C-alpha atoms as a PDB file:
ATOM      1  CA  MET A   1      31.971 -18.154 -72.820  1.00  0.00           C
ATOM      2  CA  LYS A   2      33.191 -15.364 -70.854  1.00  0.00           C
ATOM      3  CA  LYS A   3      33.899 -16.024 -67.070  1.00  0.00           C
ATOM      4  CA  ILE A   4      32.274 -13.448 -64.775  1.00  0.00           C
ATOM      5  CA  THR A   5      34.126 -12.657 -61.572  1.00  0.00           C
ATOM      6  CA  THR A   6      32.942 -10.749 -58.784  1.00  0.00           C
ATOM      7  CA  LYS A   7      35.165  -9.019 -56.510  1.00  0.00           C
ATOM      8  CA  PHE A   8      34.268  -8.351 -52.897  1.00  0.00           C
ATOM      9  CA  ASN A   9      34.509  -4.608 -52.117  1.00  0.00           C
ATOM     10  CA  TRP A  10      35.772  -4.226 -48.538  1.00  0.00           C
ATOM     11  CA  THR A  11      35.734  -0.595 -48.816  1.00  0.00           C
ATOM     12  CA  ALA A  12      32.066  -0.359 -49.300  1.00  0.00           C
ATOM     13  CA  VAL A  13      31.483  -2.987 -46.330  1.00  0.00           C
ATOM     14  CA  VAL A  14      33.771  -0.995 -43.999  1.00  0.00           C
ATOM     15  CA  SER A  15      32.150   2.357 -45.088  1.00  0.00           C
ATOM     16  CA  ALA A  16      28.647   0.968 -44.509  1.00  0.00           C
ATOM     17  CA  VAL A  17      29.490  -0.103 -40.966  1.00  0.00           C
ATOM     18  CA  LEU A  18      31.176   3.102 -39.995  1.00  0.00           C
ATOM     19  CA  PHE A  19      28.201   5.102 -41.555  1.00  0.00           C
ATOM     20  CA  SER A  20      25.844   2.906 -39.409  1.00  0.00           C
ATOM     21  CA  LEU A  21      27.819   3.476 -36.126  1.00  0.00           C
ATOM     22  CA  PHE A  22      27.920   7.175 -36.803  1.00  0.00           C
ATOM     23  CA  PHE A  23      24.066   7.277 -36.835  1.00  0.00           C
ATOM     24  CA  VAL A  24      23.855   5.074 -33.673  1.00  0.00           C
ATOM     25  CA  GLN A  25      26.317   7.251 -31.871  1.00  0.00           C
ATOM     26  CA  CYS A  26      24.588  10.387 -32.795  1.00  0.00           C
ATOM     27  CA  ALA A  27      21.215   9.362 -31.742  1.00  0.00           C
ATOM     28  CA  LYS A  28      20.008  11.273 -28.716  1.00  0.00           C
ATOM     29  CA  ASP A  29      19.411   9.422 -25.687  1.00  0.00           C
ATOM     30  CA  GLU A  30      15.898   9.377 -24.236  1.00  0.00           C
ATOM     31  CA  GLU A  31      15.421  11.035 -20.878  1.00  0.00           C
ATOM     32  CA  PRO A  32      14.062   8.569 -18.281  1.00  0.00           C
ATOM     33  CA  THR A  33      10.632   9.478 -17.259  1.00  0.00           C
ATOM     34  CA  PRO A  34      11.025  10.495 -13.397  1.00  0.00           C
ATOM     35  CA  VAL A  35       9.207   8.249 -11.120  1.00  0.00           C
ATOM     36  CA  THR A  36       7.583   9.846  -8.266  1.00  0.00           C
ATOM     37  CA  PRO A  37       7.557   7.477  -5.257  1.00  0.00           C
ATOM     38  CA  VAL A  38       3.944   6.781  -3.947  1.00  0.00           C
ATOM     39  CA  ASP A  39       3.586   6.948  -0.328  1.00  0.00           C
ATOM     40  CA  PRO A  40       2.070   3.706   0.884  1.00  0.00           C
ATOM     41  CA  LYS A  41       0.004   5.611   3.489  1.00  0.00           C
ATOM     42  CA  SER A  42      -1.919   7.395   0.713  1.00  0.00           C
ATOM     43  CA  ARG A  43      -3.858   4.314  -0.094  1.00  0.00           C
ATOM     44  CA  PHE A  44      -5.146   4.050   3.422  1.00  0.00           C
ATOM     45  CA  VAL A  45      -5.963   7.740   4.291  1.00  0.00           C
ATOM     46  CA  ALA A  46      -9.822   8.148   3.746  1.00  0.00           C
ATOM     47  CA  ASP A  47     -13.156   7.800   5.244  1.00  0.00           C
ATOM     48  CA  TRP A  48     -14.041   4.132   5.602  1.00  0.00           C
ATOM     49  CA  THR A  49     -17.222   2.033   6.391  1.00  0.00           C
ATOM     50  CA  CYS A  50     -16.266  -0.530   8.994  1.00  0.00           C
ATOM     51  CA  THR A  51     -18.281  -3.802   9.214  1.00  0.00           C
ATOM     52  CA  GLU A  52     -17.025  -5.649  12.447  1.00  0.00           C
ATOM     53  CA  VAL A  53     -17.826  -9.294  13.344  1.00  0.00           C
ATOM     54  CA  SER A  54     -17.033  -9.984  16.879  1.00  0.00           C
ATOM     55  CA  ARG A  55     -16.197 -13.640  17.903  1.00  0.00           C
ATOM     56  CA  ARG A  56     -17.578 -12.893  21.395  1.00  0.00           C
ATOM     57  CA  ASP A  57     -20.489 -10.659  20.935  1.00  0.00           C
ATOM     58  CA  ALA A  58     -23.199 -10.088  18.251  1.00  0.00           C
ATOM     59  CA  ALA A  59     -22.266  -8.248  15.009  1.00  0.00           C
ATOM     60  CA  ALA A  60     -22.252  -4.607  15.268  1.00  0.00           C
ATOM     61  CA  GLN A  61     -23.890  -2.140  12.756  1.00  0.00           C
ATOM     62  CA  PRO A  62     -21.670  -0.890  10.120  1.00  0.00           C
ATOM     63  CA  PHE A  63     -20.008   2.656  11.305  1.00  0.00           C
ATOM     64  CA  GLN A  64     -17.699   5.176   9.979  1.00  0.00           C
ATOM     65  CA  ILE A  65     -14.050   5.466  10.728  1.00  0.00           C
ATOM     66  CA  HIS A  66     -11.517   8.026   9.379  1.00  0.00           C
ATOM     67  CA  MET A  67      -7.854   6.974   8.678  1.00  0.00           C
ATOM     68  CA  LEU A  68      -5.748  10.123   8.843  1.00  0.00           C
ATOM     69  CA  ASN A  69      -2.114  10.841   7.889  1.00  0.00           C
ATOM     70  CA  GLY A  70       0.418  10.401  10.865  1.00  0.00           C
ATOM     71  CA  ALA A  71       4.134  11.265  11.253  1.00  0.00           C
ATOM     72  CA  GLY A  72       6.696   8.828   9.379  1.00  0.00           C
ATOM     73  CA  ASP A  73       4.932   5.599   8.381  1.00  0.00           C
ATOM     74  CA  SER A  74       2.090   5.895  10.891  1.00  0.00           C
ATOM     75  CA  LEU A  75      -1.566   6.536  10.503  1.00  0.00           C
ATOM     76  CA  VAL A  76      -4.396   7.754  12.867  1.00  0.00           C
ATOM     77  CA  MET A  77      -7.626   5.837  13.002  1.00  0.00           C
ATOM     78  CA  GLU A  78     -10.689   7.612  14.600  1.00  0.00           C
ATOM     79  CA  ASN A  79     -13.668   5.725  15.943  1.00  0.00           C
ATOM     80  CA  CYS A  80     -11.914   2.298  16.028  1.00  0.00           C
ATOM     81  CA  TYR A  81     -14.223  -0.149  17.552  1.00  0.00           C
ATOM     82  CA  ALA A  82     -17.088   2.552  17.356  1.00  0.00           C
ATOM     83  CA  VAL A  83     -15.672   4.392  20.429  1.00  0.00           C
ATOM     84  CA  GLY A  84     -16.085   7.768  18.971  1.00  0.00           C
ATOM     85  CA  PHE A  85     -14.161   9.969  16.769  1.00  0.00           C
ATOM     86  CA  ALA A  86     -12.440  11.785  19.615  1.00  0.00           C
ATOM     87  CA  ASN A  87     -10.619   8.356  20.399  1.00  0.00           C
ATOM     88  CA  LYS A  88      -7.896   7.412  18.287  1.00  0.00           C
ATOM     89  CA  ALA A  89      -5.725   4.362  17.678  1.00  0.00           C
ATOM     90  CA  LYS A  90      -2.193   4.459  16.039  1.00  0.00           C
ATOM     91  CA  LEU A  91      -1.286   2.138  13.094  1.00  0.00           C
ATOM     92  CA  VAL A  92       1.964   1.407  11.195  1.00  0.00           C
ATOM     93  CA  VAL A  93       1.957   1.128   7.513  1.00  0.00           C
ATOM     94  CA  TYR A  94       4.348  -1.235   5.563  1.00  0.00           C
ATOM     95  CA  GLY A  95       3.419  -1.885   2.017  1.00  0.00           C
ATOM     96  CA  ASP A  96      -0.134  -3.122   1.673  1.00  0.00           C
ATOM     97  CA  SER A  97      -0.240  -3.995   5.223  1.00  0.00           C
ATOM     98  CA  LEU A  98      -0.755  -2.298   8.556  1.00  0.00           C
ATOM     99  CA  LYS A  99      -0.630  -3.101  12.331  1.00  0.00           C
ATOM    100  CA  PHE A 100      -1.630  -1.422  15.334  1.00  0.00           C
ATOM    101  CA  ALA A 101       1.337   0.067  17.269  1.00  0.00           C
ATOM    102  CA  PRO A 102       1.997   0.262  19.763  1.00  0.00           C
ATOM    103  CA  ILE A 103       0.327  -2.647  21.284  1.00  0.00           C
ATOM    104  CA  ASN A 104      -1.957  -2.318  24.273  1.00  0.00           C
ATOM    105  CA  GLN A 105      -3.209   1.045  23.189  1.00  0.00           C
ATOM    106  CA  GLN A 106      -5.969   2.700  25.265  1.00  0.00           C
ATOM    107  CA  ILE A 107      -8.447   3.915  22.615  1.00  0.00           C
ATOM    108  CA  ALA A 108     -11.161   4.983  25.109  1.00  0.00           C
ATOM    109  CA  ASN A 109     -11.825   5.110  28.933  1.00  0.00           C
ATOM    110  CA  GLY A 110     -11.231   1.341  29.920  1.00  0.00           C
ATOM    111  CA  ILE A 111     -11.095   0.115  26.384  1.00  0.00           C
ATOM    112  CA  PHE A 112      -7.578  -1.138  25.191  1.00  0.00           C
ATOM    113  CA  LEU A 113      -6.599  -2.221  21.797  1.00  0.00           C
ATOM    114  CA  LEU A 114      -4.287  -5.390  22.532  1.00  0.00           C
ATOM    115  CA  ASN A 115      -2.887  -5.884  18.972  1.00  0.00           C
ATOM    116  CA  GLY A 116      -4.187  -6.096  15.482  1.00  0.00           C
ATOM    117  CA  LYS A 117      -3.130  -6.094  11.853  1.00  0.00           C
ATOM    118  CA  GLY A 118      -4.710  -5.944   8.358  1.00  0.00           C
ATOM    119  CA  LYS A 119      -4.008  -5.936   4.680  1.00  0.00           C
ATOM    120  CA  LEU A 120      -5.287  -3.711   1.730  1.00  0.00           C
ATOM    121  CA  THR A 121      -6.927  -6.418  -0.476  1.00  0.00           C
ATOM    122  CA  ASN A 122      -7.698  -3.885  -3.287  1.00  0.00           C
ATOM    123  CA  ASN A 123      -8.057   0.011  -3.590  1.00  0.00           C
ATOM    124  CA  SER A 124     -11.370  -0.135  -1.591  1.00  0.00           C
ATOM    125  CA  THR A 125     -11.119  -2.870   0.791  1.00  0.00           C
ATOM    126  CA  ILE A 126      -9.021  -3.414   4.030  1.00  0.00           C
ATOM    127  CA  LYS A 127      -9.389  -6.820   5.932  1.00  0.00           C
ATOM    128  CA  MET A 128      -8.358  -6.500   9.521  1.00  0.00           C
ATOM    129  CA  THR A 129      -8.248  -8.604  12.770  1.00  0.00           C
ATOM    130  CA  TYR A 130      -7.793  -7.080  16.214  1.00  0.00           C
ATOM    131  CA  VAL A 131      -8.201  -7.923  19.902  1.00  0.00           C
ATOM    132  CA  ILE A 132     -10.015  -5.450  22.332  1.00  0.00           C
ATOM    133  CA  ASP A 133      -9.928  -5.723  26.074  1.00  0.00           C
ATOM    134  CA  ASP A 134     -13.031  -3.844  27.197  1.00  0.00           C
ATOM    135  CA  GLY A 135     -12.895  -5.202  30.860  1.00  0.00           C
ATOM    136  CA  ASN A 136     -14.987  -8.328  30.133  1.00  0.00           C
ATOM    137  CA  PRO A 137     -13.317 -11.629  31.352  1.00  0.00           C
ATOM    138  CA  ILE A 138     -13.162 -12.750  27.592  1.00  0.00           C
ATOM    139  CA  LYS A 139     -11.120 -10.580  25.162  1.00  0.00           C
ATOM    140  CA  ASP A 140     -13.065  -9.555  22.161  1.00  0.00           C
ATOM    141  CA  THR A 141     -11.479 -10.680  18.864  1.00  0.00           C
ATOM    142  CA  ILE A 142     -12.805  -8.610  15.943  1.00  0.00           C
ATOM    143  CA  ASP A 143     -12.691  -9.513  12.179  1.00  0.00           C
ATOM    144  CA  ALA A 144     -13.273  -6.164  10.303  1.00  0.00           C
ATOM    145  CA  ILE A 145     -13.709  -5.343   6.717  1.00  0.00           C
ATOM    146  CA  PHE A 146     -13.187  -1.616   5.828  1.00  0.00           C
ATOM    147  CA  THR A 147     -14.678  -0.324   2.499  1.00  0.00           C
ATOM    148  CA  LYS A 148     -14.678   3.009   0.803  1.00  0.00           C
END
């Protein structure tokens, strides 16, 4: 009986490893896809239908408001509290949230927006709460839903 011996061929192993490394090193790196930053305000800038529910008065009929792009991280809301499109309130956007700033804004003759904030709940709905001083002894707290 003849004994079969196998010898390990180190030259073949080293050649295979070097050959593999050569192909890995020569592979072209993929260019990363450039990511354009999305301005958080762009999700809010639109014409919205506002449904306000007052904690003091009877619910108002739905009405239109416009949110316009402002300077920096701000927006301008026209017709807030249904006081007319010539009257504007300023908001600041941070992520999916927004707040009225500065506080105590006069949005119409004798009507002040004391404070308020809201959140974009999906691409077509904003839920907000704000407080209005319209000269009545009790301030008007509003829960509003804006829809596109």
